[in-house]
């Protein structure tokens, strides 16, 4: 979870490493869309992305998937994020460059590749 206090510019410049900003710009150029939702509607999708990442990390580290999954579920259970969303103050929008909307204290994001005309993801 990322504290969004201070607005988009503050979070972007002070809470993300340069390599994360570079990666985000690259993904944007490649057509990945990021959808933010301060209500928690995207928590299941975000949590599935986390589980997919854990499986990928386990393969890279030659760690048994059952062990990596068990550790992830103990550390980051879905119910934890649902509880945070239920108690988090909501606001309009998750912030974007130039956004003047009141920022929420928690924002759940999910990304999906944009459809392309070439048929490649």
C-alpha atoms as a PDB file:
ATOM      1  CA  UNK A   1       0.000   0.000   0.000  1.00  0.00           C
ATOM      2  CA  UNK A   2       1.216   3.473  -0.801  1.00  0.00           C
ATOM      3  CA  UNK A   3       0.307   6.612   1.138  1.00  0.00           C
ATOM      4  CA  UNK A   4      -0.962   9.119  -1.421  1.00  0.00           C
ATOM      5  CA  UNK A   5      -0.749  12.149   0.853  1.00  0.00           C
ATOM      6  CA  UNK A   6       0.629  15.187  -0.936  1.00  0.00           C
ATOM      7  CA  UNK A   7      -0.910  14.423  -4.307  1.00  0.00           C
ATOM      8  CA  UNK A   8       0.345  12.826  -7.463  1.00  0.00           C
ATOM      9  CA  UNK A   9       3.461  14.956  -7.989  1.00  0.00           C
ATOM     10  CA  UNK A  10       4.696  14.320  -4.443  1.00  0.00           C
ATOM     11  CA  UNK A  11       4.080  10.572  -4.667  1.00  0.00           C
ATOM     12  CA  UNK A  12       5.615  10.322  -8.145  1.00  0.00           C
ATOM     13  CA  UNK A  13       8.804  12.213  -7.305  1.00  0.00           C
ATOM     14  CA  UNK A  14       9.395  11.242  -3.672  1.00  0.00           C
ATOM     15  CA  UNK A  15       7.958   7.768  -3.240  1.00  0.00           C
ATOM     16  CA  UNK A  16       9.052   6.101  -6.468  1.00  0.00           C
ATOM     17  CA  UNK A  17      12.633   5.271  -7.412  1.00  0.00           C
ATOM     18  CA  UNK A  18      13.813   6.598 -10.758  1.00  0.00           C
ATOM     19  CA  UNK A  19      13.780   3.076 -12.179  1.00  0.00           C
ATOM     20  CA  UNK A  20      10.108   2.693 -11.202  1.00  0.00           C
ATOM     21  CA  UNK A  21       9.212   5.952 -12.950  1.00  0.00           C
ATOM     22  CA  UNK A  22      11.152   4.842 -16.048  1.00  0.00           C
ATOM     23  CA  UNK A  23       9.363   1.481 -16.014  1.00  0.00           C
ATOM     24  CA  UNK A  24       5.971   3.173 -15.682  1.00  0.00           C
ATOM     25  CA  UNK A  25       6.675   5.468 -18.645  1.00  0.00           C
ATOM     26  CA  UNK A  26       7.835   2.474 -20.713  1.00  0.00           C
ATOM     27  CA  UNK A  27       4.669   0.504 -19.897  1.00  0.00           C
ATOM     28  CA  UNK A  28       2.548   3.519 -20.802  1.00  0.00           C
ATOM     29  CA  UNK A  29       4.282   3.753 -24.201  1.00  0.00           C
ATOM     30  CA  UNK A  30       3.639   0.031 -24.727  1.00  0.00           C
ATOM     31  CA  UNK A  31      -0.074   0.504 -24.148  1.00  0.00           C
ATOM     32  CA  UNK A  32      -0.592  -0.645 -20.573  1.00  0.00           C
ATOM     33  CA  UNK A  33      -3.520   1.139 -18.946  1.00  0.00           C
ATOM     34  CA  UNK A  34      -3.641   1.601 -15.195  1.00  0.00           C
ATOM     35  CA  UNK A  35      -7.029   1.792 -13.567  1.00  0.00           C
ATOM     36  CA  UNK A  36      -7.220   3.206 -10.056  1.00  0.00           C
ATOM     37  CA  UNK A  37     -10.125   2.820  -7.688  1.00  0.00           C
ATOM     38  CA  UNK A  38     -10.270   4.323  -4.194  1.00  0.00           C
ATOM     39  CA  UNK A  39     -13.264   2.138  -3.208  1.00  0.00           C
ATOM     40  CA  UNK A  40     -11.438  -1.197  -3.159  1.00  0.00           C
ATOM     41  CA  UNK A  41     -13.320  -2.698  -6.115  1.00  0.00           C
ATOM     42  CA  UNK A  42     -10.007  -3.685  -7.732  1.00  0.00           C
ATOM     43  CA  UNK A  43      -8.581  -5.425  -4.659  1.00  0.00           C
ATOM     44  CA  UNK A  44      -9.281  -8.983  -5.918  1.00  0.00           C
ATOM     45  CA  UNK A  45      -7.627  -8.193  -9.255  1.00  0.00           C
ATOM     46  CA  UNK A  46      -4.638  -6.509  -7.580  1.00  0.00           C
ATOM     47  CA  UNK A  47      -4.296  -9.452  -5.196  1.00  0.00           C
ATOM     48  CA  UNK A  48      -4.331 -11.901  -8.120  1.00  0.00           C
ATOM     49  CA  UNK A  49      -1.535  -9.898  -9.756  1.00  0.00           C
ATOM     50  CA  UNK A  50       0.401 -10.175  -6.487  1.00  0.00           C
ATOM     51  CA  UNK A  51      -0.093 -13.953  -6.428  1.00  0.00           C
ATOM     52  CA  UNK A  52       1.047 -14.189 -10.053  1.00  0.00           C
ATOM     53  CA  UNK A  53       4.156 -12.198  -9.154  1.00  0.00           C
ATOM     54  CA  UNK A  54       4.918 -14.483  -6.213  1.00  0.00           C
ATOM     55  CA  UNK A  55       4.753 -17.502  -8.549  1.00  0.00           C
ATOM     56  CA  UNK A  56       7.122 -15.795 -10.991  1.00  0.00           C
ATOM     57  CA  UNK A  57       9.546 -14.844  -8.193  1.00  0.00           C
ATOM     58  CA  UNK A  58       9.466 -18.398  -6.811  1.00  0.00           C
ATOM     59  CA  UNK A  59      10.410 -19.807 -10.235  1.00  0.00           C
ATOM     60  CA  UNK A  60      13.291 -17.340 -10.568  1.00  0.00           C
ATOM     61  CA  UNK A  61      14.625 -18.234  -7.132  1.00  0.00           C
ATOM     62  CA  UNK A  62      14.058 -21.977  -7.550  1.00  0.00           C
ATOM     63  CA  UNK A  63      11.802 -21.892  -4.495  1.00  0.00           C
ATOM     64  CA  UNK A  64       8.897 -24.306  -4.118  1.00  0.00           C
ATOM     65  CA  UNK A  65       5.695 -22.533  -5.164  1.00  0.00           C
ATOM     66  CA  UNK A  66       3.789 -23.873  -2.146  1.00  0.00           C
ATOM     67  CA  UNK A  67       6.325 -22.211   0.190  1.00  0.00           C
ATOM     68  CA  UNK A  68       6.323 -18.853  -1.585  1.00  0.00           C
ATOM     69  CA  UNK A  69       2.500 -18.871  -1.764  1.00  0.00           C
ATOM     70  CA  UNK A  70       2.160 -19.757   1.890  1.00  0.00           C
ATOM     71  CA  UNK A  71       4.497 -16.935   2.906  1.00  0.00           C
ATOM     72  CA  UNK A  72       2.643 -14.458   0.693  1.00  0.00           C
ATOM     73  CA  UNK A  73      -0.761 -15.496   2.048  1.00  0.00           C
ATOM     74  CA  UNK A  74       0.492 -15.116   5.632  1.00  0.00           C
ATOM     75  CA  UNK A  75       2.059 -11.735   4.927  1.00  0.00           C
ATOM     76  CA  UNK A  76      -0.545 -10.271   2.556  1.00  0.00           C
ATOM     77  CA  UNK A  77      -3.928 -11.998   2.913  1.00  0.00           C
ATOM     78  CA  UNK A  78      -6.747 -10.700   0.725  1.00  0.00           C
ATOM     79  CA  UNK A  79      -8.749  -9.859   3.862  1.00  0.00           C
ATOM     80  CA  UNK A  80      -6.041  -7.422   4.964  1.00  0.00           C
ATOM     81  CA  UNK A  81      -6.531  -5.293   1.858  1.00  0.00           C
ATOM     82  CA  UNK A  82     -10.314  -5.553   2.098  1.00  0.00           C
ATOM     83  CA  UNK A  83     -10.138  -4.347   5.696  1.00  0.00           C
ATOM     84  CA  UNK A  84      -7.923  -1.413   4.729  1.00  0.00           C
ATOM     85  CA  UNK A  85     -10.342  -0.456   1.958  1.00  0.00           C
ATOM     86  CA  UNK A  86     -13.309  -0.650   4.300  1.00  0.00           C
ATOM     87  CA  UNK A  87     -11.694   1.731   6.794  1.00  0.00           C
ATOM     88  CA  UNK A  88      -9.886   3.977   4.308  1.00  0.00           C
ATOM     89  CA  UNK A  89     -11.170   7.417   3.472  1.00  0.00           C
ATOM     90  CA  UNK A  90     -12.216   7.577  -0.155  1.00  0.00           C
ATOM     91  CA  UNK A  91     -11.777  10.474  -2.507  1.00  0.00           C
ATOM     92  CA  UNK A  92     -12.271  11.358  -6.121  1.00  0.00           C
ATOM     93  CA  UNK A  93      -9.695   9.868  -8.437  1.00  0.00           C
ATOM     94  CA  UNK A  94      -6.357   8.324  -7.624  1.00  0.00           C
ATOM     95  CA  UNK A  95      -4.448  11.192  -9.022  1.00  0.00           C
ATOM     96  CA  UNK A  96      -2.852  11.887 -12.324  1.00  0.00           C
ATOM     97  CA  UNK A  97      -0.631  14.633 -13.617  1.00  0.00           C
ATOM     98  CA  UNK A  98      -2.434  17.902 -13.143  1.00  0.00           C
ATOM     99  CA  UNK A  99      -5.208  16.387 -11.043  1.00  0.00           C
ATOM    100  CA  UNK A 100      -6.634  18.765  -8.452  1.00  0.00           C
ATOM    101  CA  UNK A 101      -9.006  16.202  -6.934  1.00  0.00           C
ATOM    102  CA  UNK A 102      -8.869  15.360  -3.249  1.00  0.00           C
ATOM    103  CA  UNK A 103      -6.582  12.357  -2.992  1.00  0.00           C
ATOM    104  CA  UNK A 104      -7.695   9.197  -1.211  1.00  0.00           C
ATOM    105  CA  UNK A 105      -5.522   7.694   1.511  1.00  0.00           C
ATOM    106  CA  UNK A 106      -5.465   4.313  -0.242  1.00  0.00           C
ATOM    107  CA  UNK A 107      -5.770   3.462  -3.892  1.00  0.00           C
ATOM    108  CA  UNK A 108      -6.042   0.015  -5.476  1.00  0.00           C
ATOM    109  CA  UNK A 109      -4.660  -0.263  -8.966  1.00  0.00           C
ATOM    110  CA  UNK A 110      -4.743  -2.803 -11.696  1.00  0.00           C
ATOM    111  CA  UNK A 111      -3.182  -2.718 -15.132  1.00  0.00           C
ATOM    112  CA  UNK A 112      -4.239  -4.310 -18.365  1.00  0.00           C
ATOM    113  CA  UNK A 113      -2.620  -4.143 -21.780  1.00  0.00           C
ATOM    114  CA  UNK A 114      -4.516  -2.114 -24.344  1.00  0.00           C
ATOM    115  CA  UNK A 115      -5.773  -4.138 -27.294  1.00  0.00           C
ATOM    116  CA  UNK A 116      -3.565  -3.677 -30.345  1.00  0.00           C
ATOM    117  CA  UNK A 117      -4.414  -3.856 -34.014  1.00  0.00           C
ATOM    118  CA  UNK A 118      -1.526  -6.223 -34.698  1.00  0.00           C
ATOM    119  CA  UNK A 119      -3.008  -8.871 -32.413  1.00  0.00           C
ATOM    120  CA  UNK A 120       0.071  -8.868 -30.161  1.00  0.00           C
ATOM    121  CA  UNK A 121      -0.492  -8.209 -26.429  1.00  0.00           C
END
